[in-house]
């Protein structure tokens, strides 16, 4: 039967979020209903509230979450009631051209639940990234649930559902950072610091963190940066070159997503190096580069969507590293808050005061 729970809803573009009663139906075929234990406050949720992703209001926000499977629909075999899962927005279809070519991490037809969560008056909700986890219960496609070690802290584990996986995957999966490489990361919020941590996990010999804020550079050091550059003090491209014998980095990751930072990443890489864009630009942004420079510098210009991850492969492995003390997911949890604190958390995030605020339910 349907259940009524509390959830955080964005009703109109730019309006403050509100706590509403959400009606969550029983799971249909191929679906799972999950008791959310923790959900991170991500920039993507703010983009939804601000209308930067669409105007399909009202939105049920939240997507970076972990919890317990409460019930499952017909035909579900991936997970069972009682499983501890991280929610993901890449539930691979198995049938699209990417999946058929053995590249499910690029699946072009990922699954979401078909039954709709609603407000009390029956108004259908649009769940953020097909998840909607700022709620005590949420309904998702079963493939959006990735079972992991239940001993993991939900507040930390849930961050793999978006920001941490995006940054770490940008280094490990998209950038293919290897042993002995030099890596530069521009922008040291949660995603950038995850890229720093990922580069170190992959065996990078040198990781250069670049930001405008000394607080964030200190966070990057804790994540594993060997060198830091405050770009208010000079040209970050020159600083990166000075730290790499005049050559530039093997891999440069732009975790900001602006034309200015992308150009810095482009010119801060070594010949035949790789640029990875993981910061999300706005629709109005454009980029101009001399085509001869694109040709002459060689290498690769890549974009990283969800860290090119495959949740079924990457989440359990990263949770195992976390449980072994080899990957400090706890360091990304800046504060634990309630549903009533989400609007204030958006402000802290906007001002760069936190890596992640995490809602505990």
Protein backbone atom coordinates (compact mmCIF):
# COMPACT_ATOMS: atom_id res chain seq x y z
CA UNK A 1 0.00 0.00 0.00
CA UNK A 2 1.06 3.61 -0.48
CA UNK A 3 2.83 5.32 2.41
CA UNK A 4 2.95 8.99 3.39
CA UNK A 5 6.29 10.44 4.46
CA UNK A 6 8.05 13.79 4.75
CA UNK A 7 10.14 15.11 1.88
CA UNK A 8 11.83 18.28 0.60
CA UNK A 9 10.09 19.80 -2.41
CA UNK A 10 10.98 22.65 -4.76
CA UNK A 11 7.65 24.06 -5.99
CA UNK A 12 8.83 26.94 -8.18
CA UNK A 13 11.98 28.31 -9.77
CA UNK A 14 14.18 30.02 -7.19
CA UNK A 15 11.67 29.64 -4.36
CA UNK A 16 12.83 28.28 -1.01
CA UNK A 17 12.27 24.56 -0.58
CA UNK A 18 9.57 23.28 1.75
CA UNK A 19 8.91 20.10 3.70
CA UNK A 20 5.80 18.41 2.33
CA UNK A 21 3.91 15.17 2.79
CA UNK A 22 4.93 12.78 0.01
CA UNK A 23 2.84 9.78 -1.03
CA UNK A 24 5.09 6.88 -2.07
CA UNK A 25 3.31 4.04 -3.88
CA UNK A 26 4.07 0.36 -3.62
CA UNK A 27 6.84 -0.69 -6.00
CA UNK A 28 5.71 -1.93 -9.39
CA UNK A 29 7.46 -4.53 -11.53
CA UNK A 30 11.20 -3.93 -11.55
CA UNK A 31 10.99 -1.28 -8.80
CA UNK A 32 12.14 -0.96 -5.19
CA UNK A 33 11.04 1.22 -2.31
CA UNK A 34 13.93 2.34 -0.12
CA UNK A 35 14.02 3.69 3.42
CA UNK A 36 16.48 6.53 3.07
CA UNK A 37 19.02 6.77 5.88
CA UNK A 38 21.22 9.61 4.59
CA UNK A 39 21.33 11.93 1.58
CA UNK A 40 23.99 14.48 0.64
CA UNK A 41 23.13 18.03 -0.40
CA UNK A 42 24.55 18.32 -3.93
CA UNK A 43 24.89 21.27 -6.33
CA UNK A 44 22.61 19.39 -8.71
CA UNK A 45 19.74 19.73 -6.24
CA UNK A 46 20.32 23.48 -6.18
CA UNK A 47 20.33 23.50 -10.00
CA UNK A 48 16.92 21.82 -9.93
CA UNK A 49 15.59 24.39 -7.47
CA UNK A 50 16.94 27.25 -9.60
CA UNK A 51 15.50 25.89 -12.85
CA UNK A 52 18.92 25.12 -14.30
CA UNK A 53 17.96 21.58 -15.30
CA UNK A 54 14.31 21.96 -16.28
CA UNK A 55 10.96 23.38 -15.25
CA UNK A 56 9.08 20.20 -14.43
CA UNK A 57 8.05 21.46 -10.99
CA UNK A 58 7.37 20.40 -8.31
CA UNK A 59 10.63 18.53 -7.78
CA UNK A 60 11.33 16.07 -5.00
CA UNK A 61 14.98 16.89 -4.37
CA UNK A 62 17.85 14.69 -3.20
CA UNK A 63 19.72 11.95 -5.03
CA UNK A 64 23.05 11.27 -3.27
CA UNK A 65 21.75 8.66 -0.86
CA UNK A 66 22.03 5.35 0.94
CA UNK A 67 19.40 3.32 2.73
CA UNK A 68 17.64 0.00 3.28
CA UNK A 69 15.41 -1.75 0.73
CA UNK A 70 11.94 -1.74 2.30
CA UNK A 71 9.99 -3.59 -0.41
CA UNK A 72 10.43 -4.74 -3.98
CA UNK A 73 8.15 -5.24 -6.96
CA UNK A 74 7.55 -8.19 -9.20
CA UNK A 75 10.55 -9.62 -10.99
CA UNK A 76 13.20 -7.91 -8.89
CA UNK A 77 16.29 -10.06 -8.41
CA UNK A 78 19.08 -7.47 -8.05
CA UNK A 79 18.25 -6.64 -4.43
CA UNK A 80 16.07 -7.97 -1.62
CA UNK A 81 14.25 -6.53 1.35
CA UNK A 82 16.75 -5.56 4.05
CA UNK A 83 19.69 -4.94 1.73
CA UNK A 84 21.82 -1.87 2.41
CA UNK A 85 22.14 0.02 -0.86
CA UNK A 86 23.58 3.14 -2.42
CA UNK A 87 21.21 4.79 -4.87
CA UNK A 88 22.50 5.60 -8.33
CA UNK A 89 21.16 7.33 -11.42
CA UNK A 90 22.77 4.92 -13.89
CA UNK A 91 20.53 1.84 -13.84
CA UNK A 92 21.82 0.31 -17.05
CA UNK A 93 19.28 -1.00 -19.55
CA UNK A 94 21.36 -3.78 -21.12
CA UNK A 95 19.83 -3.15 -24.54
CA UNK A 96 21.03 0.22 -25.85
CA UNK A 97 23.90 0.54 -28.34
CA UNK A 98 26.41 1.29 -25.53
CA UNK A 99 25.35 -1.73 -23.47
CA UNK A 100 25.37 -4.02 -26.50
CA UNK A 101 28.94 -2.94 -27.27
CA UNK A 102 30.08 -3.86 -23.75
CA UNK A 103 30.19 -0.27 -22.50
CA UNK A 104 27.37 -0.14 -19.92
CA UNK A 105 29.05 2.75 -18.12
CA UNK A 106 27.85 4.88 -21.04
CA UNK A 107 24.27 3.48 -21.05
CA UNK A 108 22.00 5.83 -22.99
CA UNK A 109 18.67 4.50 -21.68
CA UNK A 110 19.00 4.17 -17.93
CA UNK A 111 15.93 3.07 -15.95
CA UNK A 112 13.80 5.04 -13.49
CA UNK A 113 10.69 4.01 -11.60
CA UNK A 114 7.51 4.34 -13.67
CA UNK A 115 5.07 4.69 -10.77
CA UNK A 116 4.87 8.26 -9.54
CA UNK A 117 5.38 9.73 -6.12
CA UNK A 118 2.92 12.56 -5.46
CA UNK A 119 1.93 15.30 -3.08
CA UNK A 120 -1.12 14.70 -0.88
CA UNK A 121 -3.41 16.32 -3.45
CA UNK A 122 -2.25 13.93 -6.16
CA UNK A 123 0.18 16.31 -7.90
CA UNK A 124 2.90 14.21 -9.49
CA UNK A 125 6.45 14.90 -8.37
CA UNK A 126 9.58 14.93 -10.52
CA UNK A 127 12.30 13.16 -8.51
CA UNK A 128 15.77 14.68 -8.87
CA UNK A 129 17.83 12.47 -11.20
CA UNK A 130 15.06 9.90 -11.00
CA UNK A 131 15.69 9.35 -7.28
CA UNK A 132 14.15 12.00 -4.96
CA UNK A 133 15.89 11.04 -1.73
CA UNK A 134 15.27 14.04 0.52
CA UNK A 135 12.46 11.90 1.88
CA UNK A 136 12.00 9.17 4.44
CA UNK A 137 11.06 6.74 1.65
CA UNK A 138 11.65 6.88 -2.09
CA UNK A 139 10.68 4.77 -5.09
CA UNK A 140 13.30 3.87 -7.69
CA UNK A 141 14.02 1.31 -10.39
CA UNK A 142 15.62 -1.71 -8.72
CA UNK A 143 18.69 -1.21 -10.90
CA UNK A 144 19.22 2.11 -9.16
CA UNK A 145 20.01 0.21 -5.95
CA UNK A 146 23.58 -1.02 -5.56
CA UNK A 147 24.10 -3.42 -2.65
CA UNK A 148 27.22 -2.72 -0.54
CA UNK A 149 28.72 -3.67 2.83
CA UNK A 150 26.06 -2.84 5.48
CA UNK A 151 28.77 -1.86 7.98
CA UNK A 152 29.49 1.33 6.01
CA UNK A 153 28.27 4.62 7.47
CA UNK A 154 25.25 5.68 5.36
CA UNK A 155 26.26 9.35 5.53
CA UNK A 156 29.58 8.58 3.88
CA UNK A 157 28.46 5.75 1.60
CA UNK A 158 25.67 7.77 0.03
CA UNK A 159 28.13 10.33 -1.32
CA UNK A 160 29.26 7.77 -3.87
CA UNK A 161 25.82 8.20 -5.41
CA UNK A 162 26.91 11.42 -7.10
CA UNK A 163 29.62 13.94 -6.17
CA UNK A 164 32.39 11.72 -4.84
CA UNK A 165 31.93 9.17 -7.63
CA UNK A 166 31.89 11.96 -10.23
CA UNK A 167 35.21 13.37 -9.05
CA UNK A 168 36.98 10.10 -8.31
CA UNK A 169 35.77 8.60 -11.57
CA UNK A 170 36.95 11.64 -13.52
CA UNK A 171 40.47 10.75 -12.43
CA UNK A 172 40.36 6.97 -12.43
CA UNK A 173 37.88 6.09 -15.18
CA UNK A 174 37.85 9.06 -17.56
CA UNK A 175 41.36 10.43 -17.07
CA UNK A 176 42.95 6.98 -16.75
CA UNK A 177 45.45 8.33 -14.23
CA UNK A 178 48.31 5.88 -13.90
CA UNK A 179 51.21 5.17 -11.57
CA UNK A 180 53.73 7.99 -11.57
CA UNK A 181 51.50 10.49 -13.39
CA UNK A 182 51.28 14.15 -12.55
CA UNK A 183 47.71 15.40 -12.11
CA UNK A 184 46.30 18.89 -11.65
CA UNK A 185 42.79 19.49 -10.33
CA UNK A 186 41.18 22.91 -10.82
CA UNK A 187 38.43 23.56 -8.28
CA UNK A 188 38.60 21.93 -4.86
CA UNK A 189 35.05 21.49 -3.66
CA UNK A 190 33.61 18.04 -3.05
CA UNK A 191 34.00 16.85 -6.65
CA UNK A 192 37.50 18.29 -7.03
CA UNK A 193 38.70 16.80 -3.77
CA UNK A 194 37.28 13.44 -4.81
CA UNK A 195 39.32 13.77 -8.02
CA UNK A 196 42.39 14.45 -5.89
CA UNK A 197 41.68 11.36 -3.80
CA UNK A 198 41.08 9.31 -6.92
CA UNK A 199 44.35 10.40 -8.47
CA UNK A 200 46.22 9.33 -5.35
CA UNK A 201 44.39 6.00 -5.27
CA UNK A 202 45.44 5.42 -8.87
CA UNK A 203 49.10 6.00 -7.99
CA UNK A 204 49.75 9.55 -9.17
CA UNK A 205 53.15 10.74 -8.03
CA UNK A 206 52.17 14.40 -7.88
CA UNK A 207 48.73 15.98 -7.46
CA UNK A 208 48.45 19.75 -7.79
CA UNK A 209 45.29 21.33 -6.39
CA UNK A 210 44.19 24.75 -7.71
CA UNK A 211 41.57 27.01 -6.15
CA UNK A 212 40.84 30.60 -5.15
CA UNK A 213 40.17 29.73 -1.50
CA UNK A 214 42.86 28.68 0.97
CA UNK A 215 40.27 26.76 3.00
CA UNK A 216 39.51 24.55 0.01
CA UNK A 217 43.20 24.08 -0.70
CA UNK A 218 43.62 22.78 2.83
CA UNK A 219 40.77 20.32 2.21
CA UNK A 220 42.60 19.23 -0.94
CA UNK A 221 45.80 18.59 1.03
CA UNK A 222 43.83 16.34 3.37
CA UNK A 223 42.45 14.50 0.34
CA UNK A 224 45.97 13.83 -0.90
CA UNK A 225 47.21 16.86 -2.85
CA UNK A 226 50.99 17.10 -2.81
CA UNK A 227 51.05 20.74 -3.98
CA UNK A 228 48.55 23.61 -3.92
CA UNK A 229 48.15 26.74 -6.01
CA UNK A 230 46.01 29.73 -5.03
CA UNK A 231 45.13 31.20 -8.41
CA UNK A 232 44.50 34.65 -6.94
CA UNK A 233 48.28 34.94 -6.50
CA UNK A 234 49.22 34.41 -10.12
CA UNK A 235 48.66 32.47 -13.32
CA UNK A 236 47.77 28.88 -12.38
CA UNK A 237 48.97 27.60 -15.75
CA UNK A 238 52.46 28.94 -15.10
CA UNK A 239 52.37 27.63 -11.54
CA UNK A 240 51.47 24.11 -12.75
CA UNK A 241 54.23 24.27 -15.36
CA UNK A 242 56.78 25.34 -12.75
CA UNK A 243 55.81 22.33 -10.64
CA UNK A 244 56.18 19.95 -13.59
CA UNK A 245 59.58 20.91 -14.97
CA UNK A 246 58.02 23.33 -17.45
CA UNK A 247 56.01 20.64 -19.22
CA UNK A 248 52.54 20.63 -17.68
CA UNK A 249 50.54 17.83 -16.07
CA UNK A 250 49.74 14.47 -17.63
CA UNK A 251 46.08 14.86 -16.66
CA UNK A 252 44.28 18.09 -15.81
CA UNK A 253 40.78 17.88 -14.34
CA UNK A 254 38.45 20.90 -14.53
CA UNK A 255 36.05 20.51 -11.62
CA UNK A 256 34.64 24.03 -12.05
CA UNK A 257 33.18 23.97 -15.55
CA UNK A 258 33.73 27.50 -16.80
CA UNK A 259 35.38 28.63 -20.06
CA UNK A 260 38.17 30.30 -18.08
CA UNK A 261 39.03 27.20 -16.07
CA UNK A 262 38.75 24.94 -19.10
CA UNK A 263 41.30 27.07 -20.96
CA UNK A 264 43.58 26.88 -17.94
CA UNK A 265 43.23 23.10 -17.95
CA UNK A 266 43.90 22.96 -21.71
CA UNK A 267 47.14 24.93 -21.51
CA UNK A 268 48.30 23.42 -18.20
CA UNK A 269 48.59 19.89 -19.64
CA UNK A 270 51.68 18.36 -21.12
CA UNK A 271 51.90 17.56 -24.83
CA UNK A 272 49.69 14.53 -25.51
CA UNK A 273 48.15 15.04 -22.07
CA UNK A 274 44.50 14.69 -21.14
CA UNK A 275 41.93 17.29 -20.11
CA UNK A 276 38.87 16.04 -18.24
CA UNK A 277 35.83 18.27 -17.78
CA UNK A 278 33.72 17.18 -14.82
CA UNK A 279 32.45 20.58 -13.61
CA UNK A 280 29.02 21.27 -15.12
CA UNK A 281 28.76 24.40 -17.31
CA UNK A 282 25.58 26.42 -17.73
CA UNK A 283 23.71 26.42 -21.06
CA UNK A 284 24.87 29.93 -21.98
CA UNK A 285 28.61 29.21 -21.76
CA UNK A 286 30.71 28.95 -24.91
CA UNK A 287 34.37 28.10 -25.50
CA UNK A 288 36.81 29.43 -28.06
CA UNK A 289 40.24 27.86 -28.62
CA UNK A 290 42.68 28.20 -31.53
CA UNK A 291 42.12 25.07 -33.58
CA UNK A 292 45.84 24.87 -34.32
CA UNK A 293 46.49 24.58 -30.58
CA UNK A 294 43.94 21.78 -30.30
CA UNK A 295 45.70 19.97 -33.15
CA UNK A 296 49.25 20.79 -32.17
CA UNK A 297 49.06 19.80 -28.51
CA UNK A 298 47.64 16.35 -29.25
CA UNK A 299 46.29 14.26 -26.44
CA UNK A 300 42.65 13.99 -25.45
CA UNK A 301 39.85 16.34 -24.44
CA UNK A 302 37.24 14.40 -22.47
CA UNK A 303 34.05 15.04 -20.56
CA UNK A 304 33.22 12.90 -17.54
CA UNK A 305 29.56 12.11 -16.88
CA UNK A 306 29.05 10.53 -13.46
CA UNK A 307 32.75 9.70 -13.45
CA UNK A 308 32.13 7.17 -16.28
CA UNK A 309 31.22 4.80 -13.47
CA UNK A 310 29.46 1.48 -13.46
CA UNK A 311 27.79 1.40 -10.03
CA UNK A 312 27.66 -2.38 -9.79
CA UNK A 313 31.43 -2.48 -10.31
CA UNK A 314 32.64 0.69 -8.61
CA UNK A 315 30.46 1.20 -5.52
CA UNK A 316 31.23 -2.13 -3.77
CA UNK A 317 34.94 -1.78 -4.56
CA UNK A 318 35.13 1.76 -3.17
CA UNK A 319 33.16 0.82 -0.06
CA UNK A 320 35.60 -2.04 0.51
CA UNK A 321 38.52 0.42 0.26
CA UNK A 322 36.69 2.71 2.68
CA UNK A 323 36.13 -0.11 5.16
CA UNK A 324 39.83 -1.06 4.89
CA UNK A 325 40.87 2.51 5.75
CA UNK A 326 42.37 3.11 2.31
CA UNK A 327 39.80 5.67 1.13
CA UNK A 328 38.63 8.33 3.59
CA UNK A 329 35.00 8.87 2.62
CA UNK A 330 34.26 10.24 6.09
CA UNK A 331 36.39 13.30 5.28
CA UNK A 332 33.77 14.46 2.76
CA UNK A 333 31.01 14.69 5.40
CA UNK A 334 31.22 18.25 6.72
CA UNK A 335 28.03 18.21 8.78
CA UNK A 336 24.98 16.06 9.52
CA UNK A 337 21.67 17.88 9.28
CA UNK A 338 17.90 17.33 9.14
CA UNK A 339 15.39 17.83 6.32
CA UNK A 340 14.55 21.23 7.81
CA UNK A 341 18.14 22.38 7.27
CA UNK A 342 18.36 21.80 3.49
CA UNK A 343 17.74 25.43 2.52
CA UNK A 344 20.46 26.61 4.91
CA UNK A 345 22.76 23.90 3.51
CA UNK A 346 22.31 25.35 0.02
CA UNK A 347 23.61 28.67 1.33
CA UNK A 348 26.64 27.06 2.98
CA UNK A 349 27.39 25.19 -0.23
CA UNK A 350 27.01 28.36 -2.31
CA UNK A 351 29.52 30.16 -0.07
CA UNK A 352 31.99 27.26 -0.09
CA UNK A 353 31.68 26.60 3.64
CA UNK A 354 31.26 22.82 3.37
CA UNK A 355 32.35 19.86 1.28
CA UNK A 356 29.03 18.09 1.93
CA UNK A 357 26.11 18.62 4.24
CA UNK A 358 24.37 15.28 4.71
CA UNK A 359 20.72 14.90 5.69
CA UNK A 360 20.22 12.12 8.25
CA UNK A 361 16.77 10.53 8.28
